[in-house]
Amino acid sequence: MSDTIAAIVTPAGEGGVGLLRISGPEALALARGLFHPAEAVVSFAPSPWRVYFGEIRDPAGGTLVDEVLLTFYKAPKSFTAEDVVEIAAHGGMYITSRILDLIVGAGARLAEPGEFTRRAFQNGRIDLSQAEAVAGVIAAQSERALMASLDQLKGRLSARLNDQYERLIAVIAQLEASIDFPEEGLKFQKSEALKNDIDGVAGEMDALIESYRQGKIISEGARVAIVGKPNAGKSSLLNALLAEDRAIVTPHPGTTRDLIEERVRIRDIHIRIIDSAGLRKHPEVIEEEGIERTRAALAGADLALMLFDASQPLDENDELLLAEAAGKKKLVVLNKCDLPERLDTAALLGRLAGEEPVRISAREQTNLGALVDAIHDRVLGGEAREPLLLTRARHREQLVDARQALSRAGDSLGQGLSEEFIALDVDAAAQCLGRILGKVYSEDLLDEIFNEFCIGK
């Protein structure tokens, strides 16, 4: 990392300000060759963490490019822990591109995606989980998603995992001492304490693993599929939730032949809501593909809105819906409650033990507030027991692997097996935590993580 990199860090397009960042050992020297302060000085030597007003000029002929503000951040007190210069120019695409060309022409190279954050990690300013949280902060689409990522960026997850890591290292040290000095009888003196240590770390891992379901929904949103028989009112419900006429609604069954997917915000969660083709037995040929797509959408949904027509008795198509949604997380919705009820609700709920239906009229938009509340609560599954949420699949996968390794270690300890076997599994668990924190990593892993970032970050 001896070279100096540069990039435009604000989004492409026109705006009030366009920000450019230079990081590396030659950052200040390159900037000084282009920047001319408003107050004439013999030699411009900016103090760190102060803002200077001046001009960027083309060194080839002294032509004015733009009036800018320049800030110098001296290593290690900068985003990358290197010398960093940030130039705030006017936010035109041509202006910022022109300044970037001059910076590159002076000796910098274009930064790769995520390279500034990658340098912050490799220079030890943040660990790998905090680096990944930067992407989460940028991508956050709600207050809860932002707070979950900020918790990780501030190091709350790192502190929890580092504590677990150090406890496992202590367990390994005790096991190795027992292996190296068997005459001291450490195996018998420490087995109960070792079990308590292993079980304690495993319990904390379980809580974090369980938090991922909510963390994923908060950070990425939830998929909610509206399913039901033809003409149950699925498209009307989609339109009502979106507050716009997105789907075609007719009195003829089978109007929707394909999936319609839209995004809607329900309180503090983004929902991808899917209107599907009606499920029915003996469909027409043209409907069959739509029904197969409905089944696929149902399989991939976080929640199924099972829509029943309360103005009609249960029929074979409702039976098909009950079969298709078996085992899925579901919310029962009784539609068309503005019409005389002919549905045997007691019989239906007898088939869906424990389900509390929401009665609505999508056409009249009756009781939609209660439905929205129910969707929110059912998607999240209640309040999180763990205040610190996992939001990245990579972290969950490593914790699951670590937890399985600790289960094997606990079993081996209980069976009185050799300390070597126990130590191997405890070490495997510690290595998993190390991969989350960046204590253990490969360049391929870093490439995979940081290639998801934008170039300016």
Protein backbone atom coordinates (compact mmCIF):
# COMPACT_ATOMS: atom_id res chain seq x y z
CA MET A 1 0.00 0.00 0.00
CA SER A 2 2.84 2.40 -0.79
CA ASP A 3 1.02 4.03 -3.70
CA THR A 4 -1.40 6.95 -3.56
CA ILE A 5 -5.01 6.52 -4.68
CA ALA A 6 -7.77 8.95 -5.59
CA ALA A 7 -11.46 8.89 -6.44
CA ILE A 8 -14.61 10.97 -6.62
CA VAL A 9 -16.52 10.02 -3.47
CA THR A 10 -19.87 11.68 -4.17
CA PRO A 11 -22.46 10.05 -6.46
CA ALA A 12 -22.37 10.68 -10.19
CA GLY A 13 -24.54 13.56 -11.36
CA GLU A 14 -24.99 17.25 -10.68
CA GLY A 15 -25.14 18.59 -7.14
CA GLY A 16 -24.11 21.37 -4.84
CA VAL A 17 -20.77 19.79 -3.93
CA GLY A 18 -18.54 17.14 -5.49
CA LEU A 19 -16.00 15.59 -3.14
CA LEU A 20 -12.69 14.00 -4.16
CA ARG A 21 -10.43 12.00 -1.84
CA ILE A 22 -6.70 11.33 -2.13
CA SER A 23 -5.03 8.82 0.22
CA GLY A 24 -1.44 7.69 0.50
CA PRO A 25 2.08 8.94 1.15
CA GLU A 26 2.02 11.47 -1.71
CA ALA A 27 -1.50 12.77 -1.07
CA LEU A 28 -0.43 16.16 0.27
CA ALA A 29 2.34 16.67 -2.28
CA LEU A 30 -0.04 15.94 -5.17
CA ALA A 31 -2.67 18.30 -3.79
CA ARG A 32 -0.15 21.09 -3.24
CA GLY A 33 0.82 20.90 -6.90
CA LEU A 34 -2.75 21.63 -7.96
CA PHE A 35 -4.15 23.80 -5.17
CA HIS A 36 -3.53 27.53 -4.84
CA PRO A 37 -4.79 29.10 -1.61
CA ALA A 38 -6.78 32.31 -1.76
CA GLU A 39 -4.25 33.99 0.51
CA ALA A 40 -0.96 34.18 -1.32
CA VAL A 41 1.88 32.38 0.44
CA VAL A 42 5.39 31.52 -0.61
CA SER A 43 4.94 27.83 0.09
CA PHE A 44 1.55 26.32 0.96
CA ALA A 45 1.88 24.01 3.99
CA PRO A 46 -1.61 23.26 5.32
CA SER A 47 -2.12 22.38 8.95
CA PRO A 48 -4.00 19.12 9.54
CA TRP A 49 -7.77 19.18 10.08
CA ARG A 50 -8.26 22.73 8.84
CA VAL A 51 -10.24 23.81 5.77
CA TYR A 52 -8.59 26.04 3.17
CA PHE A 53 -10.29 28.02 0.40
CA GLY A 54 -8.55 28.36 -2.93
CA GLU A 55 -8.39 27.28 -6.57
CA ILE A 56 -7.50 24.17 -8.50
CA ARG A 57 -5.40 25.11 -11.52
CA ASP A 58 -4.09 22.98 -14.34
CA PRO A 59 -0.30 22.89 -13.77
CA ALA A 60 0.31 22.66 -17.51
CA GLY A 61 -0.78 26.24 -18.17
CA GLY A 62 -2.14 27.60 -14.91
CA THR A 63 -5.74 27.54 -16.18
CA LEU A 64 -8.40 27.87 -13.48
CA VAL A 65 -10.48 24.69 -13.10
CA ASP A 66 -12.61 25.47 -10.04
CA GLU A 67 -12.80 27.22 -6.69
CA VAL A 68 -12.60 24.57 -3.97
CA LEU A 69 -12.19 23.82 -0.29
CA LEU A 70 -9.23 21.63 0.73
CA THR A 71 -8.85 19.67 3.98
CA PHE A 72 -5.74 17.73 5.00
CA TYR A 73 -5.99 14.77 7.42
CA LYS A 74 -2.61 13.66 8.72
CA ALA A 75 -1.94 9.96 9.36
CA PRO A 76 -2.98 8.12 11.41
CA LYS A 77 -5.98 10.33 12.26
CA SER A 78 -7.84 9.89 8.99
CA PHE A 79 -10.35 7.50 7.46
CA THR A 80 -7.64 5.27 5.98
CA ALA A 81 -5.05 5.94 8.72
CA GLU A 82 -2.87 7.39 5.92
CA ASP A 83 -2.34 10.98 4.85
CA VAL A 84 -5.63 12.01 3.24
CA VAL A 85 -6.62 15.14 1.31
CA GLU A 86 -10.24 15.89 0.51
CA ILE A 87 -11.20 18.47 -2.09
CA ALA A 88 -14.74 19.86 -2.12
CA ALA A 89 -15.48 21.25 -5.56
CA HIS A 90 -18.68 22.36 -7.26
CA GLY A 91 -20.80 19.31 -7.97
CA GLY A 92 -20.70 19.10 -11.73
CA MET A 93 -19.69 15.84 -13.39
CA TYR A 94 -17.25 17.57 -15.73
CA ILE A 95 -15.59 19.58 -12.96
CA THR A 96 -14.98 16.65 -10.63
CA SER A 97 -13.80 14.43 -13.50
CA ARG A 98 -11.40 17.12 -14.66
CA ILE A 99 -9.90 17.52 -11.18
CA LEU A 100 -9.59 13.73 -10.84
CA ASP A 101 -7.76 13.60 -14.17
CA LEU A 102 -5.30 16.20 -12.91
CA ILE A 103 -4.72 14.24 -9.68
CA VAL A 104 -4.08 11.03 -11.61
CA GLY A 105 -1.87 12.89 -14.04
CA ALA A 106 0.20 14.12 -11.08
CA GLY A 107 0.95 10.53 -10.00
CA ALA A 108 -2.01 9.03 -8.16
CA ARG A 109 -3.93 6.04 -9.45
CA LEU A 110 -7.68 5.50 -9.51
CA ALA A 111 -8.95 3.77 -6.38
CA GLU A 112 -10.60 0.38 -6.73
CA PRO A 113 -14.05 -0.35 -5.25
CA GLY A 114 -13.90 -0.17 -1.46
CA GLU A 115 -10.17 0.50 -1.44
CA PHE A 116 -10.31 3.39 1.04
CA THR A 117 -12.17 1.23 3.55
CA ARG A 118 -9.90 -1.71 2.77
CA ARG A 119 -6.90 0.42 3.66
CA ALA A 120 -8.59 1.49 6.89
CA PHE A 121 -8.87 -2.21 7.77
CA GLN A 122 -5.39 -3.21 6.68
CA ASN A 123 -3.88 -0.23 8.51
CA GLY A 124 -5.58 -1.38 11.71
CA ARG A 125 -8.00 1.52 12.19
CA ILE A 126 -11.04 -0.79 12.05
CA ASP A 127 -11.54 -4.54 12.00
CA LEU A 128 -13.18 -6.47 9.18
CA SER A 129 -16.67 -6.52 10.69
CA GLN A 130 -16.52 -2.74 11.11
CA ALA A 131 -15.35 -2.37 7.51
CA GLU A 132 -18.35 -4.36 6.31
CA ALA A 133 -20.60 -2.17 8.46
CA VAL A 134 -19.56 0.83 6.36
CA ALA A 135 -21.40 -0.72 3.42
CA GLY A 136 -24.39 -1.34 5.66
CA VAL A 137 -24.52 2.30 6.74
CA ILE A 138 -24.45 3.44 3.11
CA ALA A 139 -27.14 0.96 2.04
CA ALA A 140 -29.46 1.55 5.03
CA GLN A 141 -33.03 2.26 3.97
CA SER A 142 -34.59 2.77 7.39
CA GLU A 143 -33.76 4.07 10.85
CA ARG A 144 -33.49 0.56 12.30
CA ALA A 145 -31.23 -0.62 9.47
CA LEU A 146 -29.00 2.42 9.99
CA MET A 147 -28.80 1.88 13.75
CA ALA A 148 -27.97 -1.82 13.32
CA SER A 149 -25.08 -0.95 11.00
CA LEU A 150 -23.89 1.92 13.19
CA ASP A 151 -23.78 -0.42 16.18
CA GLN A 152 -21.40 -2.63 14.21
CA LEU A 153 -19.38 0.30 12.88
CA LYS A 154 -18.89 1.60 16.43
CA GLY A 155 -17.46 -1.80 17.38
CA ARG A 156 -20.24 -3.30 19.50
CA LEU A 157 -20.22 -6.54 17.52
CA SER A 158 -16.42 -6.54 17.50
CA ALA A 159 -16.32 -6.20 21.27
CA ARG A 160 -18.71 -9.13 21.74
CA LEU A 161 -16.83 -11.36 19.34
CA ASN A 162 -13.41 -10.36 20.66
CA ASP A 163 -14.55 -11.27 24.16
CA GLN A 164 -15.68 -14.69 22.93
CA TYR A 165 -12.45 -15.11 20.97
CA GLU A 166 -10.30 -14.35 24.03
CA ARG A 167 -12.32 -16.77 26.16
CA LEU A 168 -11.77 -19.53 23.62
CA ILE A 169 -8.05 -18.76 23.46
CA ALA A 170 -7.97 -19.13 27.26
CA VAL A 171 -9.70 -22.51 26.97
CA ILE A 172 -7.14 -23.62 24.38
CA ALA A 173 -4.31 -22.52 26.69
CA GLN A 174 -5.74 -24.63 29.53
CA LEU A 175 -6.11 -27.64 27.25
CA GLU A 176 -2.57 -27.27 25.95
CA ALA A 177 -1.27 -26.99 29.50
CA SER A 178 -3.04 -30.24 30.34
CA ILE A 179 -1.47 -31.88 27.28
CA ASP A 180 2.02 -30.59 28.04
CA PHE A 181 1.95 -31.24 31.80
CA PRO A 182 -0.25 -34.30 32.40
CA GLU A 183 1.49 -35.03 35.71
CA GLU A 184 -0.11 -31.89 37.20
CA GLY A 185 -3.59 -33.43 36.94
CA LEU A 186 -5.06 -30.38 35.20
CA LYS A 187 -7.48 -32.54 33.21
CA PHE A 188 -9.48 -33.47 36.29
CA GLN A 189 -9.19 -30.12 38.04
CA LYS A 190 -10.33 -28.03 35.08
CA SER A 191 -12.89 -30.12 33.17
CA GLU A 192 -15.94 -28.57 34.84
CA ALA A 193 -14.58 -25.05 34.43
CA LEU A 194 -13.76 -25.76 30.78
CA LYS A 195 -17.29 -27.00 30.18
CA ASN A 196 -18.73 -23.84 31.73
CA ASP A 197 -16.48 -21.67 29.55
CA ILE A 198 -17.42 -23.54 26.37
CA ASP A 199 -21.13 -23.51 27.22
CA GLY A 200 -21.01 -19.80 28.06
CA VAL A 201 -19.49 -18.84 24.70
CA ALA A 202 -21.86 -21.20 22.88
CA GLY A 203 -24.86 -19.53 24.53
CA GLU A 204 -23.74 -16.09 23.38
CA MET A 205 -23.22 -17.42 19.87
CA ASP A 206 -26.75 -18.87 19.87
CA ALA A 207 -28.21 -15.45 20.71
CA LEU A 208 -26.31 -13.76 17.88
CA ILE A 209 -27.20 -16.47 15.37
CA GLU A 210 -30.87 -16.18 16.29
CA SER A 211 -30.72 -12.39 15.84
CA TYR A 212 -29.84 -12.78 12.15
CA ARG A 213 -33.42 -13.46 11.08
CA GLN A 214 -34.51 -10.03 12.28
CA GLY A 215 -31.24 -8.39 11.28
CA LYS A 216 -31.56 -9.61 7.70
CA ILE A 217 -35.13 -8.37 7.42
CA ILE A 218 -34.27 -4.98 8.93
CA SER A 219 -31.26 -4.49 6.64
CA GLU A 220 -32.50 -6.09 3.41
CA GLY A 221 -36.28 -6.02 3.73
CA ALA A 222 -38.78 -8.88 3.69
CA ARG A 223 -40.53 -10.73 0.88
CA VAL A 224 -44.29 -11.00 1.43
CA ALA A 225 -46.33 -13.07 -1.04
CA ILE A 226 -50.07 -12.54 -1.40
CA VAL A 227 -51.53 -15.96 -2.23
CA GLY A 228 -55.06 -17.20 -2.65
CA LYS A 229 -57.51 -18.60 -5.13
CA PRO A 230 -58.54 -16.65 -8.25
CA ASN A 231 -60.72 -13.61 -7.58
CA ALA A 232 -60.03 -13.60 -3.84
CA GLY A 233 -58.89 -9.98 -4.13
CA LYS A 234 -55.10 -10.32 -4.27
CA SER A 235 -54.58 -7.56 -6.82
CA SER A 236 -57.01 -5.28 -5.01
CA LEU A 237 -55.03 -5.82 -1.81
CA LEU A 238 -51.74 -5.03 -3.55
CA ASN A 239 -53.22 -1.80 -4.91
CA ALA A 240 -54.58 -0.89 -1.47
CA LEU A 241 -51.22 -1.44 0.24
CA LEU A 242 -49.40 0.57 -2.42
CA ALA A 243 -52.12 3.27 -2.47
CA GLU A 244 -52.07 3.16 -6.28
CA ASP A 245 -53.57 1.11 -9.09
CA ARG A 246 -50.57 -1.07 -9.85
CA ALA A 247 -52.35 -4.34 -10.70
CA ILE A 248 -55.27 -4.83 -13.06
CA VAL A 249 -58.48 -5.71 -11.23
CA THR A 250 -61.46 -7.33 -12.98
CA PRO A 251 -64.35 -9.52 -11.85
CA HIS A 252 -63.01 -12.34 -14.03
CA PRO A 253 -60.93 -15.02 -12.26
CA GLY A 254 -57.38 -15.57 -13.52
CA THR A 255 -56.67 -11.97 -14.58
CA THR A 256 -53.20 -12.06 -12.97
CA ARG A 257 -51.08 -14.53 -14.93
CA ASP A 258 -47.61 -13.47 -13.74
CA LEU A 259 -45.95 -12.18 -10.59
CA ILE A 260 -46.10 -8.47 -9.84
CA GLU A 261 -43.50 -7.32 -7.31
CA GLU A 262 -43.41 -3.87 -5.72
CA ARG A 263 -41.69 -2.25 -2.75
CA VAL A 264 -43.61 -0.64 0.08
CA ARG A 265 -42.44 0.69 3.42
CA ILE A 266 -44.34 -0.64 6.42
CA ARG A 267 -43.34 1.43 9.40
CA ASP A 268 -39.56 1.00 9.57
CA ILE A 269 -39.21 -2.03 7.29
CA HIS A 270 -39.01 -2.27 3.52
CA ILE A 271 -41.29 -4.94 2.14
CA ARG A 272 -41.15 -6.50 -1.31
CA ILE A 273 -44.77 -7.46 -1.76
CA ILE A 274 -45.70 -9.94 -4.48
CA ASP A 275 -49.09 -10.29 -6.15
CA SER A 276 -49.34 -13.78 -7.59
CA ALA A 277 -51.49 -15.76 -9.96
CA GLY A 278 -54.45 -17.43 -8.27
CA LEU A 279 -53.95 -20.98 -7.06
CA ARG A 280 -56.58 -23.29 -8.42
CA LYS A 281 -56.98 -26.85 -9.48
CA HIS A 282 -57.50 -27.65 -13.16
CA PRO A 283 -56.05 -24.35 -14.44
CA GLU A 284 -56.09 -23.35 -18.08
CA VAL A 285 -52.87 -23.99 -19.97
CA ILE A 286 -51.94 -20.29 -19.95
CA GLU A 287 -52.36 -20.17 -16.16
CA GLU A 288 -50.11 -23.12 -15.37
CA GLU A 289 -46.82 -21.22 -15.69
CA GLY A 290 -48.19 -18.39 -13.52
CA ILE A 291 -49.19 -20.87 -10.82
CA GLU A 292 -45.72 -22.44 -10.87
CA ARG A 293 -44.24 -18.98 -10.36
CA THR A 294 -46.65 -18.44 -7.48
CA ARG A 295 -45.33 -21.62 -5.85
CA ALA A 296 -41.74 -20.38 -6.32
CA ALA A 297 -42.61 -16.99 -4.82
CA LEU A 298 -44.30 -18.69 -1.88
CA ALA A 299 -41.25 -20.87 -1.27
CA GLY A 300 -38.95 -17.83 -1.18
CA ALA A 301 -41.21 -15.56 0.89
CA ASP A 302 -40.55 -14.53 4.47
CA LEU A 303 -44.33 -14.31 5.00
CA ALA A 304 -47.35 -15.62 3.13
CA LEU A 305 -50.51 -13.51 3.20
CA MET A 306 -53.12 -16.25 2.86
CA LEU A 307 -56.11 -14.46 1.36
CA PHE A 308 -59.57 -16.00 1.65
CA ASP A 309 -62.80 -14.68 0.17
CA ALA A 310 -65.10 -14.32 3.17
CA SER A 311 -68.12 -13.95 0.89
CA GLN A 312 -67.69 -17.49 -0.48
CA PRO A 313 -67.60 -20.92 1.19
CA LEU A 314 -64.38 -22.93 1.24
CA ASP A 315 -63.80 -24.83 -1.99
CA GLU A 316 -61.16 -27.06 -3.56
CA ASN A 317 -59.02 -24.05 -4.49
CA ASP A 318 -58.91 -22.94 -0.85
CA GLU A 319 -57.90 -26.50 0.03
CA LEU A 320 -55.07 -26.21 -2.47
CA LEU A 321 -53.96 -22.95 -0.81
CA LEU A 322 -53.95 -24.61 2.60
CA ALA A 323 -51.78 -27.41 1.26
CA GLU A 324 -49.34 -25.13 -0.56
CA ALA A 325 -48.82 -22.82 2.45
CA ALA A 326 -48.39 -25.64 4.98
CA GLY A 327 -45.26 -25.08 7.05
CA LYS A 328 -44.83 -21.48 5.88
CA LYS A 329 -44.85 -18.46 8.13
CA LYS A 330 -48.27 -17.05 7.38
CA LEU A 331 -50.87 -14.41 8.13
CA VAL A 332 -54.52 -15.31 7.47
CA VAL A 333 -56.50 -12.50 5.83
CA LEU A 334 -60.27 -12.64 5.30
CA ASN A 335 -61.17 -10.32 2.44
CA LYS A 336 -64.48 -8.90 1.16
CA CYS A 337 -65.84 -8.42 4.67
CA ASP A 338 -68.07 -5.66 3.29
CA LEU A 339 -70.21 -8.45 1.75
CA PRO A 340 -72.40 -10.99 3.54
CA GLU A 341 -70.15 -13.66 5.06
CA ARG A 342 -70.53 -17.20 3.72
CA LEU A 343 -67.16 -18.55 4.80
CA ASP A 344 -67.18 -21.07 7.65
CA THR A 345 -64.53 -19.22 9.65
CA ALA A 346 -64.56 -21.67 12.56
CA ALA A 347 -63.85 -24.58 10.20
CA LEU A 348 -61.06 -22.65 8.51
CA LEU A 349 -59.36 -21.66 11.76
CA GLY A 350 -59.69 -25.22 12.97
CA ARG A 351 -57.37 -26.11 10.11
CA LEU A 352 -55.00 -23.27 11.07
CA ALA A 353 -54.51 -23.72 14.78
CA GLY A 354 -53.18 -20.64 16.54
CA GLU A 355 -53.72 -18.28 13.62
CA GLU A 356 -55.59 -15.03 14.32
CA PRO A 357 -57.17 -13.76 11.08
CA VAL A 358 -57.35 -10.12 10.01
CA ARG A 359 -60.68 -9.13 8.46
CA ILE A 360 -60.49 -6.52 5.70
CA SER A 361 -62.15 -5.20 2.61
CA ALA A 362 -59.43 -4.41 0.07
CA ARG A 363 -61.96 -2.73 -2.23
CA GLU A 364 -63.33 -0.46 0.51
CA GLN A 365 -59.90 -0.23 2.23
CA THR A 366 -61.43 -1.29 5.52
CA ASN A 367 -59.16 -2.26 8.43
CA LEU A 368 -55.96 -1.91 6.38
CA GLY A 369 -54.20 -0.29 9.35
CA ALA A 370 -54.68 -3.44 11.40
CA LEU A 371 -53.38 -5.53 8.50
CA VAL A 372 -50.27 -3.37 8.15
CA ASP A 373 -49.58 -3.70 11.89
CA ALA A 374 -50.05 -7.46 11.69
CA ILE A 375 -47.69 -7.76 8.70
CA HIS A 376 -45.01 -5.76 10.54
CA ASP A 377 -45.30 -7.81 13.72
CA ARG A 378 -45.45 -11.16 11.94
CA VAL A 379 -42.47 -10.40 9.70
CA LEU A 380 -40.30 -9.40 12.65
CA GLY A 381 -41.64 -12.13 14.90
CA GLY A 382 -41.88 -9.87 17.95
CA GLU A 383 -39.25 -7.81 19.67
CA ALA A 384 -35.67 -9.02 19.38
CA ARG A 385 -34.30 -10.66 22.52
CA GLU A 386 -30.79 -9.76 21.40
CA PRO A 387 -30.32 -5.96 21.07
CA LEU A 388 -27.26 -6.42 18.84
CA LEU A 389 -28.34 -7.80 15.48
CA LEU A 390 -26.32 -9.74 12.92
CA THR A 391 -27.07 -8.39 9.45
CA ARG A 392 -24.58 -10.19 7.19
CA ALA A 393 -24.86 -13.77 5.99
CA ARG A 394 -21.07 -14.22 6.18
CA HIS A 395 -21.07 -13.50 9.90
CA ARG A 396 -23.93 -15.91 10.53
CA GLU A 397 -22.25 -18.69 8.53
CA GLN A 398 -19.02 -18.32 10.51
CA LEU A 399 -20.90 -18.30 13.83
CA VAL A 400 -22.88 -21.41 12.85
CA ASP A 401 -19.62 -23.19 12.01
CA ALA A 402 -18.11 -22.01 15.31
CA ARG A 403 -21.16 -23.16 17.24
CA GLN A 404 -21.00 -26.63 15.67
CA ALA A 405 -17.30 -26.87 16.55
CA LEU A 406 -18.08 -26.00 20.18
CA SER A 407 -20.83 -28.63 20.24
CA ARG A 408 -18.27 -31.23 19.17
CA ALA A 409 -15.83 -29.97 21.79
CA GLY A 410 -18.49 -30.18 24.49
CA ASP A 411 -19.40 -33.72 23.48
CA SER A 412 -15.75 -34.76 23.51
CA LEU A 413 -15.25 -33.20 26.93
CA GLY A 414 -18.31 -34.98 28.28
CA GLN A 415 -17.09 -38.30 26.95
CA GLY A 416 -13.68 -37.81 28.55
CA LEU A 417 -11.83 -37.86 25.24
CA SER A 418 -8.26 -36.67 24.86
CA GLU A 419 -7.58 -32.94 25.23
CA GLU A 420 -6.09 -32.92 21.71
CA PHE A 421 -9.53 -33.60 20.18
CA ILE A 422 -11.20 -30.93 22.31
CA ALA A 423 -8.50 -28.36 21.54
CA LEU A 424 -8.84 -28.90 17.79
CA ASP A 425 -12.56 -28.08 17.85
CA VAL A 426 -12.18 -25.11 20.18
CA ASP A 427 -9.43 -23.78 17.92
CA ALA A 428 -11.72 -24.24 14.89
CA ALA A 429 -14.37 -22.15 16.65
CA ALA A 430 -11.84 -19.43 17.45
CA GLN A 431 -10.69 -19.39 13.83
CA CYS A 432 -14.29 -18.77 12.71
CA LEU A 433 -14.51 -15.75 14.99
CA GLY A 434 -11.15 -14.61 13.70
CA ARG A 435 -12.47 -14.69 10.14
CA ILE A 436 -15.36 -12.39 11.09
CA LEU A 437 -13.04 -9.92 12.79
CA GLY A 438 -10.29 -10.11 10.18
CA LYS A 439 -7.74 -11.74 12.47
CA VAL A 440 -7.68 -14.49 9.84
CA TYR A 441 -8.30 -13.59 6.20
CA SER A 442 -7.24 -14.16 2.62
CA GLU A 443 -6.85 -11.63 -0.15
CA ASP A 444 -9.63 -13.44 -2.03
CA LEU A 445 -11.98 -12.84 0.90
CA LEU A 446 -11.09 -9.15 0.99
CA ASP A 447 -11.63 -8.91 -2.77
CA GLU A 448 -15.06 -10.48 -2.39
CA ILE A 449 -16.07 -8.13 0.43
CA PHE A 450 -14.74 -4.85 -0.89
CA ASN A 451 -15.74 -5.34 -4.51
CA GLU A 452 -19.31 -4.80 -3.30
CA PHE A 453 -18.41 -1.23 -2.26
CA CYS A 454 -18.62 1.85 -4.43
CA ILE A 455 -15.34 3.20 -5.81
CA GLY A 456 -15.27 6.29 -3.58
CA LYS A 457 -15.54 4.31 -0.34
